[in-house]
N, C-alpha and C. Protein backbone atom coordinates (compact mmCIF):
# COMPACT_ATOMS: atom_id res chain seq x y z
N GLY A 1 -17.11 3.05 10.94
CA GLY A 1 -15.73 3.25 11.60
C GLY A 1 -15.19 3.95 12.58
N ILE A 2 -14.38 4.43 12.33
CA ILE A 2 -13.75 4.17 14.28
C ILE A 2 -12.90 5.75 13.68
N VAL A 3 -13.50 7.10 14.08
CA VAL A 3 -11.78 8.08 13.68
C VAL A 3 -10.89 8.02 14.72
N ILE A 4 -10.32 8.07 14.05
CA ILE A 4 -8.59 9.02 14.29
C ILE A 4 -8.48 10.31 14.37
N PRO A 5 -7.35 10.55 15.04
CA PRO A 5 -6.84 12.11 15.21
C PRO A 5 -5.66 11.71 14.35
N VAL A 6 -5.08 12.59 13.85
CA VAL A 6 -4.00 12.67 13.13
C VAL A 6 -2.59 13.73 13.13
N LYS A 7 -1.43 13.88 13.81
CA LYS A 7 -0.20 14.70 13.48
C LYS A 7 0.16 14.66 12.61
N ALA A 8 0.35 15.09 11.86
CA ALA A 8 1.20 14.97 10.39
C ALA A 8 1.65 15.49 10.17
N GLN A 9 3.53 15.09 10.27
CA GLN A 9 4.84 15.41 9.45
C GLN A 9 5.10 15.14 8.69
N ALA A 10 5.01 16.30 7.37
CA ALA A 10 5.87 15.74 6.41
C ALA A 10 7.29 16.59 6.30
N GLY A 11 7.86 15.63 5.17
CA GLY A 11 9.26 15.72 4.73
C GLY A 11 9.87 15.90 5.74
N ALA A 12 9.49 15.01 7.16
CA ALA A 12 10.71 14.05 7.59
C ALA A 12 11.60 12.79 7.55
N ARG A 13 12.62 13.37 8.08
CA ARG A 13 13.81 12.03 7.71
C ARG A 13 13.23 10.24 7.57
N ARG A 14 12.14 9.95 7.77
CA ARG A 14 12.54 8.85 7.75
C ARG A 14 10.35 8.38 7.99
N ASN A 15 9.48 7.67 7.39
CA ASN A 15 8.41 7.44 7.93
C ASN A 15 8.26 6.70 9.43
N GLY A 16 6.92 7.37 9.59
CA GLY A 16 6.48 5.98 11.24
C GLY A 16 5.66 6.45 12.08
N ILE A 17 5.26 5.97 12.61
CA ILE A 17 4.33 6.58 13.80
C ILE A 17 5.19 7.11 14.75
N SER A 18 5.45 8.45 14.77
CA SER A 18 6.90 8.37 16.45
C SER A 18 5.97 8.83 17.63
N GLY A 19 4.69 8.82 17.76
CA GLY A 19 4.38 9.03 19.36
C GLY A 19 2.96 9.63 19.09
N GLU A 20 2.75 10.00 20.32
CA GLU A 20 1.18 10.63 20.34
C GLU A 20 1.60 12.46 20.74
N PHE A 21 0.74 12.79 20.76
CA PHE A 21 0.96 14.51 20.59
C PHE A 21 -0.52 14.65 20.80
N ALA A 22 -0.69 15.95 21.72
CA ALA A 22 -2.16 16.11 22.21
C ALA A 22 -3.55 15.24 21.74
N GLY A 23 -3.44 14.12 22.00
CA GLY A 23 -4.26 12.99 21.73
C GLY A 23 -4.64 12.83 20.55
N SER A 24 -2.79 12.57 19.57
CA SER A 24 -3.36 12.71 18.19
C SER A 24 -2.15 11.47 18.10
N LEU A 25 -2.51 11.01 17.08
CA LEU A 25 -1.35 9.96 16.95
C LEU A 25 -0.40 11.05 15.74
N ARG A 26 0.91 11.32 16.23
CA ARG A 26 1.97 11.40 15.19
C ARG A 26 2.33 10.58 14.63
N VAL A 27 1.78 10.78 13.33
CA VAL A 27 2.29 10.04 12.46
C VAL A 27 3.77 10.94 11.18
N SER A 28 5.06 10.69 10.87
CA SER A 28 5.52 11.45 10.15
C SER A 28 6.24 10.51 9.16
N VAL A 29 6.21 11.20 7.53
CA VAL A 29 6.85 11.03 6.22
C VAL A 29 7.62 11.19 6.31
N THR A 30 8.78 11.01 4.92
CA THR A 30 9.03 11.75 4.45
C THR A 30 8.94 12.49 2.74
N GLN A 31 7.46 12.81 2.23
CA GLN A 31 7.29 12.61 1.35
C GLN A 31 7.21 14.37 1.25
N ALA A 32 6.69 14.80 0.39
CA ALA A 32 6.67 16.84 0.91
C ALA A 32 5.10 16.52 0.52
N PRO A 33 4.45 17.97 1.64
CA PRO A 33 3.03 17.82 1.18
C PRO A 33 2.35 18.55 0.22
N GLU A 34 2.54 18.10 -1.16
CA GLU A 34 2.47 18.64 -2.31
C GLU A 34 1.43 17.70 -3.03
N LYS A 35 0.17 17.95 -3.80
CA LYS A 35 -0.87 17.22 -4.52
C LYS A 35 -1.10 16.59 -3.53
N GLY A 36 -1.58 16.17 -2.33
CA GLY A 36 -1.84 14.93 -1.89
C GLY A 36 -0.50 14.13 -1.55
N LYS A 37 0.64 14.11 -1.82
CA LYS A 37 1.41 12.43 -1.42
C LYS A 37 1.65 12.39 -0.03
N ALA A 38 1.65 13.06 0.45
CA ALA A 38 2.15 13.31 1.98
C ALA A 38 0.89 12.34 2.81
N ASN A 39 -0.66 12.92 1.97
CA ASN A 39 -1.75 12.37 2.74
C ASN A 39 -1.70 10.58 1.82
N HIS A 40 -1.07 9.95 0.81
CA HIS A 40 -1.76 9.32 0.13
C HIS A 40 -0.15 8.76 1.52
N ALA A 41 1.41 8.89 1.64
CA ALA A 41 2.11 8.36 2.38
C ALA A 41 1.46 7.80 4.33
N ILE A 42 1.09 8.82 4.72
CA ILE A 42 0.35 8.33 6.10
C ILE A 42 -0.75 7.56 6.12
N ILE A 43 -1.34 7.44 5.10
CA ILE A 43 -1.99 6.59 4.81
C ILE A 43 -1.39 4.80 4.60
N GLU A 44 -0.16 4.80 3.44
CA GLU A 44 0.35 3.76 3.58
C GLU A 44 1.18 3.12 5.25
N VAL A 45 1.54 4.91 5.76
CA VAL A 45 2.53 4.02 7.39
C VAL A 45 1.19 3.96 8.15
N LEU A 46 0.21 4.61 7.83
CA LEU A 46 -1.28 3.45 9.52
C LEU A 46 -1.31 1.89 8.41
N ALA A 47 -1.65 1.95 7.64
CA ALA A 47 -1.52 0.68 7.06
C ALA A 47 -0.82 -0.42 7.44
N ASP A 48 0.51 -0.32 7.40
CA ASP A 48 1.94 -0.49 7.47
C ASP A 48 1.76 -1.43 9.11
N GLN A 49 1.86 0.20 9.66
CA GLN A 49 1.95 0.16 10.97
C GLN A 49 0.98 -0.72 12.10
N LEU A 50 -0.59 -0.57 10.94
CA LEU A 50 -1.27 -1.73 12.46
C LEU A 50 -1.96 -2.88 12.06
N LYS A 51 -1.25 -2.76 11.10
CA LYS A 51 -1.94 -4.30 9.90
C LYS A 51 -2.95 -3.87 9.28
N LEU A 52 -4.20 -3.32 8.97
CA LEU A 52 -4.72 -2.79 8.03
C LEU A 52 -3.88 -2.93 6.66
N ARG A 53 -5.69 -3.02 6.03
CA ARG A 53 -5.50 -3.19 4.46
C ARG A 53 -6.12 -0.81 3.93
N ARG A 54 -5.11 -0.94 3.14
CA ARG A 54 -5.46 0.90 2.53
C ARG A 54 -6.50 1.01 2.11
N ASN A 55 -7.64 0.63 2.33
CA ASN A 55 -9.34 0.39 1.51
C ASN A 55 -9.86 0.41 2.96
N GLN A 56 -9.41 -0.06 3.84
CA GLN A 56 -9.72 0.48 5.43
C GLN A 56 -9.78 1.92 6.14
N ILE A 57 -8.41 2.40 5.35
CA ILE A 57 -8.58 3.72 5.67
C ILE A 57 -9.09 4.77 5.32
N GLU A 58 -9.70 5.41 5.22
CA GLU A 58 -10.37 6.82 4.28
C GLU A 58 -9.73 8.55 5.10
N LEU A 59 -9.51 9.90 4.67
CA LEU A 59 -9.30 9.86 4.70
C LEU A 59 -10.05 11.22 5.13
N ILE A 60 -11.18 11.93 6.07
CA ILE A 60 -12.21 12.49 6.24
C ILE A 60 -11.67 14.40 6.21
N SER A 61 -10.95 14.65 7.37
CA SER A 61 -11.14 16.34 7.39
C SER A 61 -9.28 16.36 7.95
N GLY A 62 -9.34 17.78 6.95
CA GLY A 62 -7.18 18.10 6.77
C GLY A 62 -6.91 18.08 6.32
N PRO A 63 -6.97 18.00 4.76
CA PRO A 63 -6.45 17.00 3.50
C PRO A 63 -5.19 18.31 3.94
N THR A 64 -4.95 19.91 3.30
CA THR A 64 -4.00 20.31 3.60
C THR A 64 -4.06 20.42 4.55
N SER A 65 -4.21 20.71 6.40
CA SER A 65 -3.64 20.56 7.31
C SER A 65 -2.45 19.29 8.12
N PRO A 66 -1.77 19.93 8.86
CA PRO A 66 -0.91 19.45 9.93
C PRO A 66 -2.47 17.98 10.23
N GLN A 67 -3.65 19.21 11.14
CA GLN A 67 -4.11 17.92 11.55
C GLN A 67 -5.50 17.65 11.35
N LYS A 68 -5.58 15.45 11.14
CA LYS A 68 -5.53 15.41 10.40
C LYS A 68 -6.86 14.83 11.17
N LYS A 69 -8.11 13.74 10.47
CA LYS A 69 -8.83 12.82 10.76
C LYS A 69 -9.36 11.61 9.52
N PHE A 70 -8.27 11.00 10.69
CA PHE A 70 -8.78 9.52 9.41
C PHE A 70 -10.60 8.32 9.35
N ARG A 71 -11.18 7.71 8.63
CA ARG A 71 -11.90 6.58 9.62
C ARG A 71 -11.56 5.49 8.85
N ILE A 72 -11.86 4.52 10.07
CA ILE A 72 -10.85 3.30 9.75
C ILE A 72 -12.00 2.21 9.78
N THR A 73 -12.13 1.34 9.00
CA THR A 73 -13.46 0.65 8.78
C THR A 73 -13.07 -0.86 8.43
N GLY A 74 -13.67 -1.84 9.65
CA GLY A 74 -13.12 -3.33 8.73
C GLY A 74 -12.53 -3.64 10.55
N ILE A 75 -12.77 -3.35 11.56
CA ILE A 75 -11.90 -3.91 12.49
C ILE A 75 -12.87 -2.88 13.61
N SER A 76 -13.14 -3.61 14.87
CA SER A 76 -13.36 -2.93 16.13
C SER A 76 -12.82 -1.67 16.96
N LYS A 77 -13.16 -1.42 17.32
CA LYS A 77 -13.01 -0.25 18.49
C LYS A 77 -11.53 -0.81 19.58
N SER A 78 -11.65 -2.25 20.43
CA SER A 78 -10.50 -2.49 21.05
C SER A 78 -9.39 -3.21 19.95
N ASP A 79 -9.47 -4.03 18.90
CA ASP A 79 -8.77 -4.05 18.34
C ASP A 79 -8.13 -3.49 17.42
N LEU A 80 -8.74 -2.00 17.36
CA LEU A 80 -7.61 -0.79 16.66
C LEU A 80 -6.51 -0.56 18.13
N GLU A 81 -7.26 -0.31 19.10
CA GLU A 81 -7.05 0.45 20.36
C GLU A 81 -5.64 -0.50 21.28
N SER A 82 -5.78 -1.07 21.12
CA SER A 82 -4.79 -2.15 20.76
C SER A 82 -3.38 -2.22 20.07
N GLN A 83 -3.95 -2.55 19.03
CA GLN A 83 -2.70 -2.05 17.35
C GLN A 83 -1.83 -0.59 17.66
N VAL A 84 -2.89 -0.38 18.70
CA VAL A 84 -2.20 1.57 18.18
C VAL A 84 -1.38 0.98 19.58
N ALA A 85 -1.48 0.84 20.82
CA ALA A 85 -0.89 0.62 21.98
C ALA A 85 -0.21 -0.21 21.83
N HIS A 86 0.09 -1.52 20.84
CA HIS A 86 0.92 -2.19 20.53
C HIS A 86 2.68 -0.87 19.83
N VAL A 87 1.95 -0.54 19.14
CA VAL A 87 2.79 0.47 17.78
C VAL A 87 3.75 1.68 19.04
N LEU A 88 2.83 2.53 19.58
CA LEU A 88 3.25 3.33 20.70
C LEU A 88 4.01 2.86 21.44
N ALA A 89 3.77 1.19 21.97
CA ALA A 89 4.92 1.03 23.29
C ALA A 89 5.97 0.08 22.34
N THR A 90 6.47 0.33 21.14
CA THR A 90 7.65 -0.16 21.22
C THR A 90 8.03 1.48 20.05
N VAL A 91 7.16 2.44 20.35
CA VAL A 91 7.94 4.02 19.82
C VAL A 91 9.26 4.75 20.74
N LYS A 92 8.47 4.27 22.21
CA LYS A 92 9.44 4.66 23.47
C LYS A 92 10.94 4.29 23.77
């Protein structure tokens, strides 16, 4: 799988990928960071915006930290990079 770093912002006004921060994908979710709710919401946002299935995304580190790492499976690195680039281009 491919590991992508994520900078999480829980308790935001809206859900979405909001850009890039220090080499990490910045993901904002409205859920509060309690009992894993924000982590599940981040997986939902990544799946929706990167056009992946939820079971292709796994949190591998940082469950209680804003700095997280997710493993993405079932997609080539070049396809994932182009999906991320497309999403980031629509954000800016």
